[in-house]
Amino acid sequence: MFCGLPQDRVATLEQDWVLLEPDVEVLAHLVPAEHRWIVLSDGRVAVYGVCPPEADQRCRIEHRLACAEQGLPDLWPWLTALRGENGRQAERLATAEAEAREVELPDAG
């Protein structure tokens, strides 16, 4: 892909190919359903959308999710919105604290 690191090119059930991160298997419950690639007995992979997955089920992820040269997709829109609101809230708090310090300073006149 973009970073130049190796990827595993693996056949899918749909007679297509997907580039997976080599040597990485993650607990499936940590990965959104549409990004879980389960290795089948014949070596091909399939997206594993079962929710919730088995507690010990492992899956592989696409290299693009781990590629340092690509931005991460918006996997959890609610979390992205929460991060944005937290950033705005932190800015408001910092502004209010700075204004409070200005009021507390004695007049130099």
N, C-alpha and C. Protein backbone atom coordinates (compact mmCIF):
# COMPACT_ATOMS: atom_id res chain seq x y z
N MET A 1 0.83 -1.17 0.00
CA MET A 1 0.00 0.00 0.00
C MET A 1 0.88 1.25 0.00
N PHE A 2 0.59 2.19 0.85
CA PHE A 2 1.27 3.47 0.83
C PHE A 2 2.55 3.50 1.66
N CYS A 3 2.66 2.65 2.68
CA CYS A 3 3.80 2.71 3.59
C CYS A 3 4.98 1.88 3.10
N GLY A 4 4.76 0.98 2.17
CA GLY A 4 5.84 0.14 1.66
C GLY A 4 6.08 -1.11 2.48
N LEU A 5 5.34 -1.31 3.57
CA LEU A 5 5.49 -2.51 4.38
C LEU A 5 4.77 -3.68 3.73
N PRO A 6 5.17 -4.89 4.07
CA PRO A 6 4.53 -6.06 3.46
C PRO A 6 3.09 -6.23 3.93
N GLN A 7 2.28 -6.86 3.08
CA GLN A 7 0.92 -7.24 3.40
C GLN A 7 0.72 -8.66 2.89
N ASP A 8 -0.24 -9.35 3.51
CA ASP A 8 -0.61 -10.67 3.02
C ASP A 8 -1.77 -10.51 2.05
N ARG A 9 -1.58 -10.96 0.82
CA ARG A 9 -2.65 -10.94 -0.18
C ARG A 9 -3.39 -12.27 -0.06
N VAL A 10 -4.65 -12.21 0.38
CA VAL A 10 -5.40 -13.42 0.71
C VAL A 10 -6.69 -13.46 -0.10
N ALA A 11 -7.02 -14.65 -0.60
CA ALA A 11 -8.26 -14.83 -1.36
C ALA A 11 -9.47 -14.80 -0.43
N THR A 12 -10.57 -14.23 -0.94
CA THR A 12 -11.81 -14.18 -0.18
C THR A 12 -12.80 -15.20 -0.74
N LEU A 13 -13.89 -15.41 -0.03
CA LEU A 13 -14.94 -16.31 -0.51
C LEU A 13 -15.58 -15.80 -1.79
N GLU A 14 -15.51 -14.49 -2.02
CA GLU A 14 -16.14 -13.88 -3.19
C GLU A 14 -15.23 -13.90 -4.41
N GLN A 15 -14.21 -14.73 -4.41
CA GLN A 15 -13.27 -14.84 -5.53
C GLN A 15 -12.53 -13.53 -5.77
N ASP A 16 -12.25 -12.82 -4.70
CA ASP A 16 -11.54 -11.55 -4.76
C ASP A 16 -10.31 -11.67 -3.86
N TRP A 17 -9.59 -10.58 -3.68
CA TRP A 17 -8.40 -10.56 -2.84
C TRP A 17 -8.52 -9.42 -1.84
N VAL A 18 -7.91 -9.60 -0.68
CA VAL A 18 -7.84 -8.55 0.33
C VAL A 18 -6.42 -8.53 0.87
N LEU A 19 -5.92 -7.34 1.17
CA LEU A 19 -4.58 -7.19 1.74
C LEU A 19 -4.70 -7.11 3.25
N LEU A 20 -4.18 -8.14 3.95
CA LEU A 20 -4.28 -8.20 5.40
C LEU A 20 -2.94 -7.88 6.05
N GLU A 21 -3.02 -7.39 7.28
CA GLU A 21 -1.83 -7.12 8.06
C GLU A 21 -1.18 -8.47 8.40
N PRO A 22 0.11 -8.63 8.06
CA PRO A 22 0.76 -9.92 8.32
C PRO A 22 0.99 -10.17 9.80
N ASP A 23 0.85 -11.41 10.19
CA ASP A 23 1.18 -11.87 11.55
C ASP A 23 0.41 -11.16 12.66
N VAL A 24 -0.80 -10.67 12.36
CA VAL A 24 -1.62 -10.02 13.39
C VAL A 24 -2.98 -10.70 13.43
N GLU A 25 -3.33 -11.22 14.59
CA GLU A 25 -4.67 -11.76 14.85
C GLU A 25 -5.18 -11.08 16.10
N VAL A 26 -6.37 -10.52 16.01
CA VAL A 26 -6.95 -9.73 17.08
C VAL A 26 -8.19 -10.44 17.60
N LEU A 27 -8.50 -10.27 18.89
CA LEU A 27 -9.76 -10.79 19.40
C LEU A 27 -10.89 -10.10 18.64
N ALA A 28 -11.80 -10.89 18.09
CA ALA A 28 -12.83 -10.38 17.19
C ALA A 28 -13.73 -9.33 17.84
N HIS A 29 -13.97 -9.44 19.13
CA HIS A 29 -14.87 -8.47 19.75
C HIS A 29 -14.26 -7.07 19.83
N LEU A 30 -12.97 -6.94 19.57
CA LEU A 30 -12.31 -5.63 19.57
C LEU A 30 -12.40 -4.93 18.21
N VAL A 31 -12.89 -5.64 17.20
CA VAL A 31 -12.92 -5.12 15.83
C VAL A 31 -14.37 -5.00 15.38
N PRO A 32 -14.75 -3.86 14.78
CA PRO A 32 -16.13 -3.74 14.26
C PRO A 32 -16.44 -4.88 13.29
N ALA A 33 -17.67 -5.34 13.31
CA ALA A 33 -18.08 -6.53 12.55
C ALA A 33 -17.67 -6.50 11.09
N GLU A 34 -17.81 -5.36 10.42
CA GLU A 34 -17.52 -5.28 8.99
C GLU A 34 -16.02 -5.27 8.68
N HIS A 35 -15.18 -5.29 9.71
CA HIS A 35 -13.73 -5.29 9.50
C HIS A 35 -13.06 -6.56 10.02
N ARG A 36 -13.83 -7.56 10.43
CA ARG A 36 -13.30 -8.82 10.94
C ARG A 36 -13.12 -9.80 9.79
N TRP A 37 -11.90 -10.23 9.54
CA TRP A 37 -11.64 -11.24 8.52
C TRP A 37 -11.25 -12.53 9.22
N ILE A 38 -12.08 -13.57 9.04
CA ILE A 38 -11.85 -14.87 9.65
C ILE A 38 -11.21 -15.79 8.61
N VAL A 39 -10.14 -16.47 9.04
CA VAL A 39 -9.46 -17.41 8.14
C VAL A 39 -10.22 -18.73 8.16
N LEU A 40 -10.59 -19.19 6.98
CA LEU A 40 -11.32 -20.45 6.82
C LEU A 40 -10.34 -21.62 6.69
N SER A 41 -10.84 -22.82 6.77
CA SER A 41 -9.99 -24.00 6.74
C SER A 41 -9.20 -24.14 5.44
N ASP A 42 -9.70 -23.57 4.33
CA ASP A 42 -8.99 -23.68 3.06
C ASP A 42 -8.03 -22.50 2.82
N GLY A 43 -7.88 -21.62 3.83
CA GLY A 43 -6.95 -20.50 3.71
C GLY A 43 -7.58 -19.21 3.23
N ARG A 44 -8.79 -19.30 2.64
CA ARG A 44 -9.48 -18.08 2.23
C ARG A 44 -10.02 -17.38 3.47
N VAL A 45 -10.44 -16.13 3.30
CA VAL A 45 -11.00 -15.37 4.42
C VAL A 45 -12.39 -14.86 4.09
N ALA A 46 -13.15 -14.58 5.14
CA ALA A 46 -14.49 -14.04 4.98
C ALA A 46 -14.73 -13.02 6.09
N VAL A 47 -15.53 -12.01 5.78
CA VAL A 47 -15.91 -11.04 6.80
C VAL A 47 -16.81 -11.75 7.79
N TYR A 48 -16.54 -11.55 9.06
CA TYR A 48 -17.27 -12.22 10.13
C TYR A 48 -18.13 -11.20 10.85
N GLY A 49 -19.39 -11.09 10.45
CA GLY A 49 -20.28 -10.09 11.00
C GLY A 49 -21.13 -10.53 12.16
N VAL A 50 -20.86 -11.71 12.73
CA VAL A 50 -21.65 -12.20 13.85
C VAL A 50 -21.43 -11.30 15.06
N CYS A 51 -22.53 -10.87 15.66
CA CYS A 51 -22.44 -10.01 16.86
C CYS A 51 -23.29 -10.60 17.96
N PRO A 52 -22.77 -10.78 19.12
CA PRO A 52 -21.35 -10.65 19.44
C PRO A 52 -20.61 -11.92 19.02
N PRO A 53 -19.33 -11.78 18.71
CA PRO A 53 -18.55 -12.97 18.34
C PRO A 53 -18.25 -13.81 19.57
N GLU A 54 -17.81 -15.03 19.34
CA GLU A 54 -17.38 -15.88 20.44
C GLU A 54 -16.28 -15.15 21.21
N ALA A 55 -16.21 -15.36 22.51
CA ALA A 55 -15.26 -14.64 23.37
C ALA A 55 -13.81 -14.85 22.95
N ASP A 56 -13.49 -16.05 22.47
CA ASP A 56 -12.10 -16.33 22.10
C ASP A 56 -11.85 -16.29 20.60
N GLN A 57 -12.86 -15.88 19.82
CA GLN A 57 -12.72 -15.81 18.36
C GLN A 57 -11.67 -14.77 17.98
N ARG A 58 -10.77 -15.14 17.09
CA ARG A 58 -9.75 -14.21 16.60
C ARG A 58 -10.02 -13.89 15.14
N CYS A 59 -9.56 -12.74 14.71
CA CYS A 59 -9.73 -12.34 13.32
C CYS A 59 -8.50 -11.59 12.86
N ARG A 60 -8.45 -11.37 11.58
CA ARG A 60 -7.38 -10.57 10.97
C ARG A 60 -7.97 -9.25 10.53
N ILE A 61 -7.11 -8.25 10.32
CA ILE A 61 -7.58 -6.95 9.88
C ILE A 61 -6.87 -6.56 8.60
N GLU A 62 -7.52 -5.70 7.83
CA GLU A 62 -6.92 -5.22 6.60
C GLU A 62 -5.71 -4.35 6.92
N HIS A 63 -4.72 -4.42 6.06
CA HIS A 63 -3.52 -3.63 6.25
C HIS A 63 -3.84 -2.14 6.29
N ARG A 64 -4.82 -1.70 5.51
CA ARG A 64 -5.13 -0.26 5.45
C ARG A 64 -5.51 0.29 6.82
N LEU A 65 -6.01 -0.55 7.72
CA LEU A 65 -6.33 -0.10 9.07
C LEU A 65 -5.08 0.12 9.91
N ALA A 66 -3.99 -0.55 9.56
CA ALA A 66 -2.75 -0.45 10.32
C ALA A 66 -1.69 0.38 9.60
N CYS A 67 -1.95 0.76 8.35
CA CYS A 67 -0.98 1.48 7.54
C CYS A 67 -0.73 2.87 8.10
N ALA A 68 0.53 3.17 8.38
CA ALA A 68 0.91 4.46 8.95
C ALA A 68 0.71 5.62 7.98
N GLU A 69 0.60 5.33 6.71
CA GLU A 69 0.47 6.39 5.71
C GLU A 69 -0.97 6.68 5.30
N GLN A 70 -1.93 6.05 5.96
CA GLN A 70 -3.34 6.30 5.64
C GLN A 70 -4.07 6.74 6.90
N GLY A 71 -5.01 7.65 6.72
CA GLY A 71 -5.84 8.05 7.84
C GLY A 71 -6.79 6.93 8.21
N LEU A 72 -7.09 6.82 9.49
CA LEU A 72 -8.01 5.79 9.92
C LEU A 72 -9.42 6.10 9.47
N PRO A 73 -10.17 5.08 9.08
CA PRO A 73 -11.57 5.32 8.74
C PRO A 73 -12.36 5.65 10.01
N ASP A 74 -13.51 6.23 9.84
CA ASP A 74 -14.37 6.58 10.96
C ASP A 74 -15.14 5.32 11.39
N LEU A 75 -14.49 4.49 12.21
CA LEU A 75 -15.09 3.21 12.59
C LEU A 75 -16.26 3.38 13.55
N TRP A 76 -16.20 4.36 14.41
CA TRP A 76 -17.26 4.59 15.38
C TRP A 76 -17.66 6.06 15.30
N PRO A 77 -18.64 6.42 14.45
CA PRO A 77 -19.02 7.82 14.29
C PRO A 77 -19.39 8.50 15.61
N TRP A 78 -20.04 7.79 16.51
CA TRP A 78 -20.41 8.40 17.78
C TRP A 78 -19.18 8.78 18.59
N LEU A 79 -18.11 7.97 18.49
CA LEU A 79 -16.89 8.28 19.21
C LEU A 79 -16.18 9.48 18.58
N THR A 80 -16.21 9.57 17.26
CA THR A 80 -15.62 10.72 16.58
C THR A 80 -16.35 11.99 17.00
N ALA A 81 -17.68 11.94 17.07
CA ALA A 81 -18.46 13.10 17.51
C ALA A 81 -18.14 13.45 18.96
N LEU A 82 -17.99 12.44 19.79
CA LEU A 82 -17.66 12.67 21.19
C LEU A 82 -16.28 13.32 21.33
N ARG A 83 -15.32 12.84 20.56
CA ARG A 83 -13.97 13.44 20.58
C ARG A 83 -14.02 14.91 20.17
N GLY A 84 -14.80 15.21 19.13
CA GLY A 84 -14.94 16.60 18.69
C GLY A 84 -15.55 17.46 19.77
N GLU A 85 -16.61 16.97 20.41
CA GLU A 85 -17.25 17.74 21.48
C GLU A 85 -16.32 17.90 22.67
N ASN A 86 -15.57 16.86 23.01
CA ASN A 86 -14.61 16.97 24.11
C ASN A 86 -13.55 18.02 23.81
N GLY A 87 -13.11 18.10 22.57
CA GLY A 87 -12.14 19.11 22.17
C GLY A 87 -12.70 20.51 22.33
N ARG A 88 -13.96 20.70 21.89
CA ARG A 88 -14.60 22.01 22.04
C ARG A 88 -14.80 22.36 23.51
N GLN A 89 -15.16 21.35 24.31
CA GLN A 89 -15.37 21.58 25.74
C GLN A 89 -14.04 21.96 26.41
N ALA A 90 -12.96 21.31 26.04
CA ALA A 90 -11.64 21.64 26.60
C ALA A 90 -11.24 23.07 26.24
N GLU A 91 -11.54 23.49 25.01
CA GLU A 91 -11.24 24.87 24.60
C GLU A 91 -12.06 25.87 25.42
N ARG A 92 -13.35 25.57 25.63
CA ARG A 92 -14.20 26.47 26.42
C ARG A 92 -13.70 26.57 27.85
N LEU A 93 -13.30 25.46 28.44
CA LEU A 93 -12.79 25.43 29.81
C LEU A 93 -11.50 26.24 29.92
N ALA A 94 -10.60 26.05 28.96
CA ALA A 94 -9.33 26.79 28.98
C ALA A 94 -9.58 28.28 28.85
N THR A 95 -10.52 28.67 28.01
CA THR A 95 -10.85 30.09 27.83
C THR A 95 -11.43 30.67 29.12
N ALA A 96 -12.34 29.94 29.74
CA ALA A 96 -12.96 30.41 30.99
C ALA A 96 -11.92 30.54 32.09
N GLU A 97 -10.99 29.60 32.20
CA GLU A 97 -9.94 29.67 33.22
C GLU A 97 -9.02 30.86 32.97
N ALA A 98 -8.68 31.10 31.71
CA ALA A 98 -7.81 32.24 31.37
C ALA A 98 -8.52 33.55 31.71
N GLU A 99 -9.80 33.65 31.41
CA GLU A 99 -10.56 34.86 31.73
C GLU A 99 -10.66 35.06 33.24
N ALA A 100 -10.83 33.97 34.00
CA ALA A 100 -10.90 34.05 35.46
C ALA A 100 -9.57 34.53 36.04
N ARG A 101 -8.46 34.10 35.50
CA ARG A 101 -7.15 34.55 35.97
C ARG A 101 -6.96 36.04 35.71
N GLU A 102 -7.44 36.52 34.57
CA GLU A 102 -7.33 37.94 34.25
C GLU A 102 -8.11 38.79 35.25
N VAL A 103 -9.27 38.32 35.68
CA VAL A 103 -10.09 39.05 36.63
C VAL A 103 -9.42 39.08 38.01
N GLU A 104 -8.72 38.00 38.38
CA GLU A 104 -8.08 37.89 39.68
C GLU A 104 -6.83 38.73 39.80
N LEU A 105 -6.20 39.09 38.71
CA LEU A 105 -4.96 39.87 38.75
C LEU A 105 -5.25 41.29 39.29
N PRO A 106 -4.42 41.76 40.23
CA PRO A 106 -4.63 43.13 40.73
C PRO A 106 -4.30 44.14 39.64
N ASP A 107 -4.98 45.25 39.70
CA ASP A 107 -4.76 46.31 38.71
C ASP A 107 -3.38 46.92 38.94
N ALA A 108 -2.57 46.96 37.90
CA ALA A 108 -1.19 47.45 38.00
C ALA A 108 -1.14 48.97 38.07
N GLY A 109 -2.24 49.68 37.98
CA GLY A 109 -2.28 51.12 37.91
C GLY A 109 -2.20 51.77 39.21
